[in-house]
PDB file of all heavy atoms in Angstrom:
ATOM      1  N   ILE A   1      82.542-142.207 -20.011  1.00  0.00           N
ATOM      2  CA  ILE A   1      81.652-141.251 -19.341  1.00  0.00           C
ATOM      3  C   ILE A   1      81.195-140.205 -20.363  1.00  0.00           C
ATOM      4  O   ILE A   1      82.034-139.576 -21.022  1.00  0.00           O
ATOM      5  CB  ILE A   1      82.375-140.557 -18.161  1.00  0.00           C
ATOM      6  CG1 ILE A   1      82.860-141.588 -17.136  1.00  0.00           C
ATOM      7  CG2 ILE A   1      81.452-139.532 -17.494  1.00  0.00           C
ATOM      8  CD1 ILE A   1      81.778-142.390 -16.477  1.00  0.00           C
ATOM      9  N   PRO A   2      79.869-139.992 -20.533  1.00  0.00           N
ATOM     10  CA  PRO A   2      79.394-138.998 -21.500  1.00  0.00           C
ATOM     11  C   PRO A   2      79.922-137.601 -21.164  1.00  0.00           C
ATOM     12  O   PRO A   2      79.739-137.114 -20.050  1.00  0.00           O
ATOM     13  CB  PRO A   2      77.864-139.049 -21.340  1.00  0.00           C
ATOM     14  CG  PRO A   2      77.573-140.354 -20.683  1.00  0.00           C
ATOM     15  CD  PRO A   2      78.758-140.671 -19.827  1.00  0.00           C
ATOM     16  N   LYS A   3      80.588-136.975 -22.120  1.00  0.00           N
ATOM     17  CA  LYS A   3      81.227-135.678 -21.870  1.00  0.00           C
ATOM     18  C   LYS A   3      80.224-134.574 -21.586  1.00  0.00           C
ATOM     19  O   LYS A   3      80.553-133.583 -20.931  1.00  0.00           O
ATOM     20  CB  LYS A   3      82.116-135.302 -23.054  1.00  0.00           C
ATOM     21  CG  LYS A   3      83.329-136.198 -23.210  1.00  0.00           C
ATOM     22  CD  LYS A   3      84.203-135.766 -24.367  1.00  0.00           C
ATOM     23  CE  LYS A   3      85.429-136.673 -24.503  1.00  0.00           C
ATOM     24  NZ  LYS A   3      86.285-136.282 -25.640  1.00  0.00           N
ATOM     25  N   THR A   4      79.009-134.730 -22.085  1.00  0.00           N
ATOM     26  CA  THR A   4      77.998-133.676 -21.890  1.00  0.00           C
ATOM     27  C   THR A   4      77.445-133.647 -20.470  1.00  0.00           C
ATOM     28  O   THR A   4      76.967-132.614 -20.020  1.00  0.00           O
ATOM     29  CB  THR A   4      76.829-133.873 -22.869  1.00  0.00           C
ATOM     30  OG1 THR A   4      76.327-135.214 -22.727  1.00  0.00           O
ATOM     31  CG2 THR A   4      77.276-133.644 -24.304  1.00  0.00           C
ATOM     32  N   THR A   5      77.516-134.776 -19.780  1.00  0.00           N
ATOM     33  CA  THR A   5      76.921-134.837 -18.437  1.00  0.00           C
ATOM     34  C   THR A   5      77.904-135.174 -17.322  1.00  0.00           C
ATOM     35  O   THR A   5      77.618-134.911 -16.154  1.00  0.00           O
ATOM     36  CB  THR A   5      75.795-135.888 -18.402  1.00  0.00           C
ATOM     37  OG1 THR A   5      76.324-137.156 -18.829  1.00  0.00           O
ATOM     38  CG2 THR A   5      74.645-135.490 -19.314  1.00  0.00           C
ATOM     39  N   GLY A   6      79.035-135.771 -17.662  1.00  0.00           N
ATOM     40  CA  GLY A   6      79.948-136.200 -16.611  1.00  0.00           C
ATOM     41  C   GLY A   6      81.400-135.952 -16.938  1.00  0.00           C
ATOM     42  O   GLY A   6      81.754-135.607 -18.074  1.00  0.00           O
ATOM     43  N   LYS A   7      82.250-136.141 -15.926  1.00  0.00           N
ATOM     44  CA  LYS A   7      83.682-135.903 -16.114  1.00  0.00           C
ATOM     45  C   LYS A   7      84.478-136.629 -15.035  1.00  0.00           C
ATOM     46  O   LYS A   7      84.095-136.655 -13.867  1.00  0.00           O
ATOM     47  CB  LYS A   7      83.976-134.399 -16.036  1.00  0.00           C
ATOM     48  CG  LYS A   7      85.416-134.035 -16.350  1.00  0.00           C
ATOM     49  CD  LYS A   7      85.622-132.521 -16.280  1.00  0.00           C
ATOM     50  CE  LYS A   7      87.065-132.159 -16.613  1.00  0.00           C
ATOM     51  NZ  LYS A   7      87.292-130.690 -16.522  1.00  0.00           N
ATOM     52  N   ILE A   8      85.600-137.222 -15.457  1.00  0.00           N
ATOM     53  CA  ILE A   8      86.566-137.756 -14.493  1.00  0.00           C
ATOM     54  C   ILE A   8      87.403-136.573 -14.031  1.00  0.00           C
ATOM     55  O   ILE A   8      88.169-135.999 -14.813  1.00  0.00           O
ATOM     56  CB  ILE A   8      87.448-138.843 -15.134  1.00  0.00           C
ATOM     57  CG1 ILE A   8      86.586-140.005 -15.633  1.00  0.00           C
ATOM     58  CG2 ILE A   8      88.486-139.362 -14.130  1.00  0.00           C
ATOM     59  CD1 ILE A   8      87.330-141.046 -16.449  1.00  0.00           C
ATOM     60  N   VAL A   9      87.240-136.183 -12.764  1.00  0.00           N
ATOM     61  CA  VAL A   9      87.855-134.938 -12.293  1.00  0.00           C
ATOM     62  C   VAL A   9      89.205-135.155 -11.609  1.00  0.00           C
ATOM     63  O   VAL A   9      89.971-134.202 -11.427  1.00  0.00           O
ATOM     64  CB  VAL A   9      86.903-134.174 -11.342  1.00  0.00           C
ATOM     65  CG1 VAL A   9      85.620-133.788 -12.064  1.00  0.00           C
ATOM     66  CG2 VAL A   9      86.576-135.000 -10.095  1.00  0.00           C
ATOM     67  N   ALA A  10      89.497-136.403 -11.217  1.00  0.00           N
ATOM     68  CA  ALA A  10      90.774-136.670 -10.539  1.00  0.00           C
ATOM     69  C   ALA A  10      91.079-138.154 -10.570  1.00  0.00           C
ATOM     70  O   ALA A  10      90.201-138.981 -10.797  1.00  0.00           O
ATOM     71  CB  ALA A  10      90.725-136.174  -9.094  1.00  0.00           C
ATOM     72  N   GLY A  11      92.340-138.473 -10.334  1.00  0.00           N
ATOM     73  CA  GLY A  11      92.747-139.865 -10.214  1.00  0.00           C
ATOM     74  C   GLY A  11      93.642-140.351 -11.340  1.00  0.00           C
ATOM     75  O   GLY A  11      93.960-139.608 -12.276  1.00  0.00           O
ATOM     76  N   GLU A  12      94.057-141.605 -11.210  1.00  0.00           N
ATOM     77  CA  GLU A  12      94.895-142.260 -12.208  1.00  0.00           C
ATOM     78  C   GLU A  12      94.333-143.651 -12.502  1.00  0.00           C
ATOM     79  O   GLU A  12      93.837-144.327 -11.594  1.00  0.00           O
ATOM     80  CB  GLU A  12      96.336-142.405 -11.711  1.00  0.00           C
ATOM     81  CG  GLU A  12      97.076-141.111 -11.496  1.00  0.00           C
ATOM     82  CD  GLU A  12      98.459-141.350 -10.907  1.00  0.00           C
ATOM     83  OE1 GLU A  12      98.538-141.743  -9.723  1.00  0.00           O
ATOM     84  OE2 GLU A  12      99.447-141.181 -11.641  1.00  0.00           O
ATOM     85  N   ILE A  13      94.406-144.062 -13.763  1.00  0.00           N
ATOM     86  CA  ILE A  13      94.040-145.416 -14.164  1.00  0.00           C
ATOM     87  C   ILE A  13      95.256-145.990 -14.879  1.00  0.00           C
ATOM     88  O   ILE A  13      95.473-145.732 -16.064  1.00  0.00           O
ATOM     89  CB  ILE A  13      92.802-145.413 -15.082  1.00  0.00           C
ATOM     90  CG1 ILE A  13      91.599-144.792 -14.349  1.00  0.00           C
ATOM     91  CG2 ILE A  13      92.468-146.830 -15.545  1.00  0.00           C
ATOM     92  CD1 ILE A  13      90.379-144.590 -15.218  1.00  0.00           C
ATOM     93  N   ILE A  14      96.075-146.725 -14.145  1.00  0.00           N
ATOM     94  CA  ILE A  14      97.348-147.208 -14.667  1.00  0.00           C
ATOM     95  C   ILE A  14      97.162-148.578 -15.307  1.00  0.00           C
ATOM     96  O   ILE A  14      96.841-149.562 -14.645  1.00  0.00           O
ATOM     97  CB  ILE A  14      98.420-147.304 -13.552  1.00  0.00           C
ATOM     98  CG1 ILE A  14      98.508-146.002 -12.753  1.00  0.00           C
ATOM     99  CG2 ILE A  14      99.767-147.682 -14.159  1.00  0.00           C
ATOM    100  CD1 ILE A  14      98.923-144.805 -13.579  1.00  0.00           C
ATOM    101  N   TYR A  15      97.364-148.631 -16.629  1.00  0.00           N
ATOM    102  CA  TYR A  15      97.289-149.883 -17.379  1.00  0.00           C
ATOM    103  C   TYR A  15      98.527-149.980 -18.259  1.00  0.00           C
ATOM    104  O   TYR A  15      98.859-149.033 -18.989  1.00  0.00           O
ATOM    105  CB  TYR A  15      96.014-149.934 -18.229  1.00  0.00           C
ATOM    106  CG  TYR A  15      95.957-151.122 -19.150  1.00  0.00           C
ATOM    107  CD1 TYR A  15      95.779-152.406 -18.638  1.00  0.00           C
ATOM    108  CD2 TYR A  15      96.122-150.965 -20.518  1.00  0.00           C
ATOM    109  CE1 TYR A  15      95.758-153.506 -19.481  1.00  0.00           C
ATOM    110  CE2 TYR A  15      96.103-152.064 -21.374  1.00  0.00           C
ATOM    111  CZ  TYR A  15      95.923-153.337 -20.839  1.00  0.00           C
ATOM    112  OH  TYR A  15      95.919-154.426 -21.661  1.00  0.00           O
ATOM    113  N   ASN A  16      99.244-151.092 -18.165  1.00  0.00           N
ATOM    114  CA  ASN A  16     100.494-151.277 -18.921  1.00  0.00           C
ATOM    115  C   ASN A  16     101.497-150.156 -18.640  1.00  0.00           C
ATOM    116  O   ASN A  16     102.194-149.694 -19.548  1.00  0.00           O
ATOM    117  CB  ASN A  16     100.209-151.352 -20.426  1.00  0.00           C
ATOM    118  CG  ASN A  16      99.921-152.780 -20.879  1.00  0.00           C
ATOM    119  OD1 ASN A  16     100.072-153.730 -20.115  1.00  0.00           O
ATOM    120  ND2 ASN A  16      99.504-152.932 -22.126  1.00  0.00           N
ATOM    121  N   GLY A  17     101.520-149.704 -17.394  1.00  0.00           N
ATOM    122  CA  GLY A  17     102.491-148.683 -17.000  1.00  0.00           C
ATOM    123  C   GLY A  17     102.139-147.265 -17.411  1.00  0.00           C
ATOM    124  O   GLY A  17     102.899-146.333 -17.138  1.00  0.00           O
ATOM    125  N   LYS A  18     100.994-147.077 -18.072  1.00  0.00           N
ATOM    126  CA  LYS A  18     100.577-145.752 -18.509  1.00  0.00           C
ATOM    127  C   LYS A  18      99.276-145.349 -17.828  1.00  0.00           C
ATOM    128  O   LYS A  18      98.413-146.192 -17.563  1.00  0.00           O
ATOM    129  CB  LYS A  18     100.356-145.716 -20.028  1.00  0.00           C
ATOM    130  CG  LYS A  18     101.608-145.784 -20.867  1.00  0.00           C
ATOM    131  CD  LYS A  18     101.223-145.637 -22.346  1.00  0.00           C
ATOM    132  CE  LYS A  18     102.451-145.660 -23.241  1.00  0.00           C
ATOM    133  NZ  LYS A  18     102.059-145.512 -24.673  1.00  0.00           N
ATOM    134  N   ASP A  19      99.119-144.044 -17.581  1.00  0.00           N
ATOM    135  CA  ASP A  19      97.858-143.510 -17.075  1.00  0.00           C
ATOM    136  C   ASP A  19      96.936-143.325 -18.276  1.00  0.00           C
ATOM    137  O   ASP A  19      97.149-142.442 -19.109  1.00  0.00           O
ATOM    138  CB  ASP A  19      98.094-142.178 -16.361  1.00  0.00           C
ATOM    139  CG  ASP A  19      96.817-141.625 -15.729  1.00  0.00           C
ATOM    140  OD1 ASP A  19      95.742-142.217 -15.931  1.00  0.00           O
ATOM    141  OD2 ASP A  19      96.905-140.588 -15.037  1.00  0.00           O
ATOM    142  N   SER A  20      95.892-144.168 -18.368  1.00  0.00           N
ATOM    143  CA  SER A  20      95.021-144.117 -19.537  1.00  0.00           C
ATOM    144  C   SER A  20      94.176-142.848 -19.597  1.00  0.00           C
ATOM    145  O   SER A  20      93.559-142.568 -20.631  1.00  0.00           O
ATOM    146  CB  SER A  20      94.108-145.352 -19.585  1.00  0.00           C
ATOM    147  OG  SER A  20      93.245-145.391 -18.474  1.00  0.00           O
ATOM    148  N   LEU A  21      94.170-142.071 -18.521  1.00  0.00           N
ATOM    149  CA  LEU A  21      93.471-140.779 -18.556  1.00  0.00           C
ATOM    150  C   LEU A  21      94.280-139.722 -19.300  1.00  0.00           C
ATOM    151  O   LEU A  21      93.752-138.664 -19.644  1.00  0.00           O
ATOM    152  CB  LEU A  21      93.170-140.296 -17.134  1.00  0.00           C
ATOM    153  CG  LEU A  21      92.214-141.167 -16.307  1.00  0.00           C
ATOM    154  CD1 LEU A  21      92.023-140.576 -14.922  1.00  0.00           C
ATOM    155  CD2 LEU A  21      90.867-141.335 -17.006  1.00  0.00           C
ATOM    156  N   LYS A  22      95.559-140.029 -19.553  1.00  0.00           N
ATOM    157  CA  LYS A  22      96.428-139.049 -20.206  1.00  0.00           C
ATOM    158  C   LYS A  22      96.770-139.405 -21.649  1.00  0.00           C
ATOM    159  O   LYS A  22      97.447-138.638 -22.319  1.00  0.00           O
ATOM    160  CB  LYS A  22      97.710-138.884 -19.386  1.00  0.00           C
ATOM    161  CG  LYS A  22      97.472-138.273 -18.009  1.00  0.00           C
ATOM    162  CD  LYS A  22      98.771-138.137 -17.225  1.00  0.00           C
ATOM    163  CE  LYS A  22      98.515-137.505 -15.860  1.00  0.00           C
ATOM    164  NZ  LYS A  22      99.765-137.407 -15.054  1.00  0.00           N
ATOM    165  N   ILE A  23      96.324-140.560 -22.111  1.00  0.00           N
ATOM    166  CA  ILE A  23      96.614-140.933 -23.493  1.00  0.00           C
ATOM    167  C   ILE A  23      95.534-140.379 -24.420  1.00  0.00           C
ATOM    168  O   ILE A  23      94.453-139.984 -23.969  1.00  0.00           O
ATOM    169  CB  ILE A  23      96.740-142.467 -23.659  1.00  0.00           C
ATOM    170  CG1 ILE A  23      95.406-143.160 -23.350  1.00  0.00           C
ATOM    171  CG2 ILE A  23      97.848-143.010 -22.778  1.00  0.00           C
ATOM    172  CD1 ILE A  23      95.429-144.666 -23.576  1.00  0.00           C
ATOM    173  N   SER A  24      95.790-140.364 -25.726  1.00  0.00           N
ATOM    174  CA  SER A  24      94.840-139.815 -26.687  1.00  0.00           C
ATOM    175  C   SER A  24      93.637-140.736 -26.853  1.00  0.00           C
ATOM    176  O   SER A  24      93.693-141.924 -26.506  1.00  0.00           O
ATOM    177  CB  SER A  24      95.524-139.624 -28.041  1.00  0.00           C
ATOM    178  OG  SER A  24      95.848-140.887 -28.607  1.00  0.00           O
ATOM    179  N   GLU A  25      92.558-140.204 -27.401  1.00  0.00           N
ATOM    180  CA  GLU A  25      91.363-141.014 -27.661  1.00  0.00           C
ATOM    181  C   GLU A  25      91.668-142.116 -28.675  1.00  0.00           C
ATOM    182  O   GLU A  25      91.138-143.230 -28.580  1.00  0.00           O
ATOM    183  CB  GLU A  25      90.235-140.120 -28.172  1.00  0.00           C
ATOM    184  CG  GLU A  25      88.947-140.862 -28.534  1.00  0.00           C
ATOM    185  CD  GLU A  25      88.338-141.665 -27.387  1.00  0.00           C
ATOM    186  OE1 GLU A  25      88.556-141.311 -26.210  1.00  0.00           O
ATOM    187  OE2 GLU A  25      87.660-142.667 -27.682  1.00  0.00           O
ATOM    188  N   LYS A  26      92.558-141.831 -29.630  1.00  0.00           N
ATOM    189  CA  LYS A  26      92.944-142.845 -30.613  1.00  0.00           C
ATOM    190  C   LYS A  26      93.624-144.024 -29.932  1.00  0.00           C
ATOM    191  O   LYS A  26      93.329-145.188 -30.229  1.00  0.00           O
ATOM    192  CB  LYS A  26      93.878-142.224 -31.664  1.00  0.00           C
ATOM    193  CG  LYS A  26      94.274-143.191 -32.769  1.00  0.00           C
ATOM    194  CD  LYS A  26      95.176-142.520 -33.796  1.00  0.00           C
ATOM    195  CE  LYS A  26      95.574-143.514 -34.891  1.00  0.00           C
ATOM    196  NZ  LYS A  26      96.468-142.880 -35.900  1.00  0.00           N
ATOM    197  N   GLU A  27      94.529-143.749 -28.991  1.00  0.00           N
ATOM    198  CA  GLU A  27      95.200-144.823 -28.243  1.00  0.00           C
ATOM    199  C   GLU A  27      94.191-145.588 -27.394  1.00  0.00           C
ATOM    200  O   GLU A  27      94.267-146.811 -27.267  1.00  0.00           O
ATOM    201  CB  GLU A  27      96.295-144.237 -27.355  1.00  0.00           C
ATOM    202  CG  GLU A  27      97.533-143.761 -28.079  1.00  0.00           C
ATOM    203  CD  GLU A  27      98.554-143.184 -27.105  1.00  0.00           C
ATOM    204  OE1 GLU A  27      98.447-141.984 -26.755  1.00  0.00           O
ATOM    205  OE2 GLU A  27      99.448-143.935 -26.681  1.00  0.00           O
ATOM    206  N   MET A  28      93.253-144.846 -26.810  1.00  0.00           N
ATOM    207  CA  MET A  28      92.248-145.477 -25.956  1.00  0.00           C
ATOM    208  C   MET A  28      91.351-146.408 -26.762  1.00  0.00           C
ATOM    209  O   MET A  28      90.970-147.488 -26.289  1.00  0.00           O
ATOM    210  CB  MET A  28      91.406-144.405 -25.259  1.00  0.00           C
ATOM    211  CG  MET A  28      90.534-144.940 -24.125  1.00  0.00           C
ATOM    212  SD  MET A  28      91.539-145.606 -22.777  1.00  0.00           S
ATOM    213  CE  MET A  28      90.482-146.937 -22.190  1.00  0.00           C
ATOM    214  N   ARG A  29      91.033-146.038 -27.994  1.00  0.00           N
ATOM    215  CA  ARG A  29      90.198-146.893 -28.842  1.00  0.00           C
ATOM    216  C   ARG A  29      90.897-148.212 -29.172  1.00  0.00           C
ATOM    217  O   ARG A  29      90.251-149.233 -29.356  1.00  0.00           O
ATOM    218  CB  ARG A  29      89.827-146.159 -30.133  1.00  0.00           C
ATOM    219  CG  ARG A  29      88.666-145.197 -29.991  1.00  0.00           C
ATOM    220  CD  ARG A  29      88.054-144.857 -31.354  1.00  0.00           C
ATOM    221  NE  ARG A  29      89.019-144.233 -32.248  1.00  0.00           N
ATOM    222  CZ  ARG A  29      89.217-142.928 -32.358  1.00  0.00           C
ATOM    223  NH1 ARG A  29      88.507-142.091 -31.611  1.00  0.00           N
ATOM    224  NH2 ARG A  29      90.103-142.446 -33.202  1.00  0.00           N
ATOM    225  N   SER A  30      92.232-148.174 -29.253  1.00  0.00           N
ATOM    226  CA  SER A  30      92.981-149.405 -29.534  1.00  0.00           C
ATOM    227  C   SER A  30      92.987-150.351 -28.330  1.00  0.00           C
ATOM    228  O   SER A  30      93.212-151.557 -28.465  1.00  0.00           O
ATOM    229  CB  SER A  30      94.415-149.071 -29.938  1.00  0.00           C
ATOM    230  OG  SER A  30      95.150-148.570 -28.834  1.00  0.00           O
ATOM    231  N   ILE A  31      92.751-149.787 -27.137  1.00  0.00           N
ATOM    232  CA  ILE A  31      92.686-150.594 -25.906  1.00  0.00           C
ATOM    233  C   ILE A  31      91.259-151.075 -25.656  1.00  0.00           C
ATOM    234  O   ILE A  31      91.019-152.238 -25.346  1.00  0.00           O
ATOM    235  CB  ILE A  31      93.180-149.764 -24.696  1.00  0.00           C
ATOM    236  CG1 ILE A  31      94.673-149.452 -24.829  1.00  0.00           C
ATOM    237  CG2 ILE A  31      92.895-150.495 -23.387  1.00  0.00           C
ATOM    238  CD1 ILE A  31      95.196-148.487 -23.784  1.00  0.00           C
TER     239      ILE A  31
END
């Protein structure tokens, strides 16, 4: 989601037992 226009304001996205909304951008790029 483009940071300048949008935002994930709530919720969880659980992948491999982790909430991907809480991991770093570096970790997210590896996924």
